[in-house]
Amino acid sequence: MQTYAGLDHEENGGMTMIGRTIRDAWLFGLLPENDTFAGRSAADFQMLLDAVSKAWEPYGNLPSRLPPALAEKHHWIYDAAIQKARAAGWDPELANDD
């Protein structure tokens, strides 16, 4: 069985659908913020994706609709991720959103 290597081993500095799902799980407290999801299976990811999708429902999947505390946390998580990805050579203009 193949397992996920972890967010810190993702291509494009983790700026992928899987990476966003993990970060959103951090946002909503579904995973601890130091959990990179390493060693998990595709079935585990599907369960996480379902939970994250459900957590986003009240906000229409829009960060602008998050309450202030979650909006601030979202900003902090994603700003750090973008800075790290850019330092690793990720270019949002050239990114293939897998």
C-alpha atoms as a PDB file:
ATOM      1  CA  MET A   1       0.000   0.000   0.000  1.00  0.00           C
ATOM      2  CA  GLN A   2       1.350   3.420  -0.978  1.00  0.00           C
ATOM      3  CA  THR A   3       1.333   6.151   1.640  1.00  0.00           C
ATOM      4  CA  TYR A   4       1.679   9.905   1.519  1.00  0.00           C
ATOM      5  CA  ALA A   5       5.200  11.241   2.120  1.00  0.00           C
ATOM      6  CA  GLY A   6       3.988  14.278   4.066  1.00  0.00           C
ATOM      7  CA  LEU A   7       3.306  17.937   3.408  1.00  0.00           C
ATOM      8  CA  ASP A   8       6.956  18.840   3.937  1.00  0.00           C
ATOM      9  CA  HIS A   9       7.881  16.532   1.020  1.00  0.00           C
ATOM     10  CA  GLU A  10       5.253  17.841  -1.405  1.00  0.00           C
ATOM     11  CA  GLU A  11       6.149  19.287  -4.774  1.00  0.00           C
ATOM     12  CA  ASN A  12       5.619  23.009  -5.335  1.00  0.00           C
ATOM     13  CA  GLY A  13       6.265  23.703  -1.670  1.00  0.00           C
ATOM     14  CA  GLY A  14       3.039  21.931  -0.808  1.00  0.00           C
ATOM     15  CA  MET A  15       0.915  24.295  -2.869  1.00  0.00           C
ATOM     16  CA  THR A  16      -1.243  21.460  -4.160  1.00  0.00           C
ATOM     17  CA  MET A  17      -4.773  20.263  -3.495  1.00  0.00           C
ATOM     18  CA  ILE A  18      -3.461  17.817  -0.902  1.00  0.00           C
ATOM     19  CA  GLY A  19      -1.410  20.558   0.743  1.00  0.00           C
ATOM     20  CA  ARG A  20      -4.376  22.921   0.871  1.00  0.00           C
ATOM     21  CA  THR A  21      -6.545  20.199   2.362  1.00  0.00           C
ATOM     22  CA  ILE A  22      -3.999  19.546   5.110  1.00  0.00           C
ATOM     23  CA  ARG A  23      -3.682  23.263   5.859  1.00  0.00           C
ATOM     24  CA  ASP A  24      -7.454  23.613   5.965  1.00  0.00           C
ATOM     25  CA  ALA A  25      -7.572  20.663   8.383  1.00  0.00           C
ATOM     26  CA  TRP A  26      -5.153  22.653  10.594  1.00  0.00           C
ATOM     27  CA  LEU A  27      -7.403  25.693  10.235  1.00  0.00           C
ATOM     28  CA  PHE A  28     -10.473  23.860  11.466  1.00  0.00           C
ATOM     29  CA  GLY A  29      -8.666  21.880  14.157  1.00  0.00           C
ATOM     30  CA  LEU A  30      -9.105  18.563  12.359  1.00  0.00           C
ATOM     31  CA  LEU A  31      -5.349  17.949  12.532  1.00  0.00           C
ATOM     32  CA  PRO A  32      -2.705  19.375  14.841  1.00  0.00           C
ATOM     33  CA  GLU A  33      -0.712  22.090  13.050  1.00  0.00           C
ATOM     34  CA  ASN A  34       2.457  19.997  13.204  1.00  0.00           C
ATOM     35  CA  ASP A  35       0.806  16.977  11.526  1.00  0.00           C
ATOM     36  CA  THR A  36       2.052  16.731   7.929  1.00  0.00           C
ATOM     37  CA  PHE A  37      -0.162  13.695   7.227  1.00  0.00           C
ATOM     38  CA  ALA A  38       2.929  11.569   6.525  1.00  0.00           C
ATOM     39  CA  GLY A  39       2.361   7.831   6.301  1.00  0.00           C
ATOM     40  CA  ARG A  40      -1.376   8.087   5.642  1.00  0.00           C
ATOM     41  CA  SER A  41      -3.216   6.283   2.849  1.00  0.00           C
ATOM     42  CA  ALA A  42      -5.464   7.528   0.076  1.00  0.00           C
ATOM     43  CA  ALA A  43      -8.457   6.344   2.118  1.00  0.00           C
ATOM     44  CA  ASP A  44      -7.238   8.443   5.064  1.00  0.00           C
ATOM     45  CA  PHE A  45      -6.934  11.443   2.746  1.00  0.00           C
ATOM     46  CA  GLN A  46     -10.460  10.927   1.419  1.00  0.00           C
ATOM     47  CA  MET A  47     -11.828  10.954   4.971  1.00  0.00           C
ATOM     48  CA  LEU A  48      -9.858  14.136   5.713  1.00  0.00           C
ATOM     49  CA  LEU A  49     -11.078  15.758   2.505  1.00  0.00           C
ATOM     50  CA  ASP A  50     -14.675  14.934   3.427  1.00  0.00           C
ATOM     51  CA  ALA A  51     -14.228  16.416   6.919  1.00  0.00           C
ATOM     52  CA  VAL A  52     -12.577  19.570   5.558  1.00  0.00           C
ATOM     53  CA  SER A  53     -15.325  19.996   2.960  1.00  0.00           C
ATOM     54  CA  LYS A  54     -17.947  19.723   5.690  1.00  0.00           C
ATOM     55  CA  ALA A  55     -16.074  22.259   7.845  1.00  0.00           C
ATOM     56  CA  TRP A  56     -16.029  24.755   4.953  1.00  0.00           C
ATOM     57  CA  GLU A  57     -19.762  24.416   4.184  1.00  0.00           C
ATOM     58  CA  PRO A  58     -21.000  27.146   6.581  1.00  0.00           C
ATOM     59  CA  TYR A  59     -18.577  29.589   4.928  1.00  0.00           C
ATOM     60  CA  GLY A  60     -19.295  28.710   1.311  1.00  0.00           C
ATOM     61  CA  ASN A  61     -15.648  27.663   0.865  1.00  0.00           C
ATOM     62  CA  LEU A  62     -14.676  31.338   0.993  1.00  0.00           C
ATOM     63  CA  PRO A  63     -12.006  32.602   3.392  1.00  0.00           C
ATOM     64  CA  SER A  64     -13.701  36.020   3.295  1.00  0.00           C
ATOM     65  CA  ARG A  65     -16.712  34.498   5.076  1.00  0.00           C
ATOM     66  CA  LEU A  66     -14.712  33.065   7.975  1.00  0.00           C
ATOM     67  CA  PRO A  67     -15.264  34.606  11.411  1.00  0.00           C
ATOM     68  CA  PRO A  68     -12.412  36.902  12.493  1.00  0.00           C
ATOM     69  CA  ALA A  69     -10.459  34.345  14.556  1.00  0.00           C
ATOM     70  CA  LEU A  70     -10.537  31.743  11.780  1.00  0.00           C
ATOM     71  CA  ALA A  71      -9.797  34.379   9.131  1.00  0.00           C
ATOM     72  CA  GLU A  72      -6.699  35.431  11.052  1.00  0.00           C
ATOM     73  CA  LYS A  73      -5.585  31.811  11.456  1.00  0.00           C
ATOM     74  CA  HIS A  74      -6.202  31.184   7.727  1.00  0.00           C
ATOM     75  CA  HIS A  75      -4.120  34.239   6.859  1.00  0.00           C
ATOM     76  CA  TRP A  76      -1.274  33.123   9.128  1.00  0.00           C
ATOM     77  CA  ILE A  77      -1.257  29.514   7.829  1.00  0.00           C
ATOM     78  CA  TYR A  78      -1.398  30.458   4.158  1.00  0.00           C
ATOM     79  CA  ASP A  79       1.031  33.385   4.340  1.00  0.00           C
ATOM     80  CA  ALA A  80       3.626  31.103   5.927  1.00  0.00           C
ATOM     81  CA  ALA A  81       2.962  28.407   3.316  1.00  0.00           C
ATOM     82  CA  ILE A  82       3.274  30.844   0.406  1.00  0.00           C
ATOM     83  CA  GLN A  83       6.517  32.309   1.730  1.00  0.00           C
ATOM     84  CA  LYS A  84       7.996  28.843   2.222  1.00  0.00           C
ATOM     85  CA  ALA A  85       6.880  27.673  -1.230  1.00  0.00           C
ATOM     86  CA  ARG A  86       8.275  30.752  -2.960  1.00  0.00           C
ATOM     87  CA  ALA A  87      11.590  30.302  -1.130  1.00  0.00           C
ATOM     88  CA  ALA A  88      11.635  26.753  -2.507  1.00  0.00           C
ATOM     89  CA  GLY A  89      11.116  28.047  -6.070  1.00  0.00           C
ATOM     90  CA  TRP A  90       7.343  27.818  -6.428  1.00  0.00           C
ATOM     91  CA  ASP A  91       5.897  30.393  -8.812  1.00  0.00           C
ATOM     92  CA  PRO A  92       2.112  30.825  -8.613  1.00  0.00           C
ATOM     93  CA  GLU A  93       2.065  32.038 -12.215  1.00  0.00           C
ATOM     94  CA  LEU A  94       3.566  28.747 -13.425  1.00  0.00           C
ATOM     95  CA  ALA A  95       1.934  26.385 -10.946  1.00  0.00           C
ATOM     96  CA  ASN A  96       0.026  23.356 -12.106  1.00  0.00           C
ATOM     97  CA  ASP A  97      -2.782  23.016  -9.553  1.00  0.00           C
ATOM     98  CA  ASP A  98      -2.844  19.255  -8.966  1.00  0.00           C
END
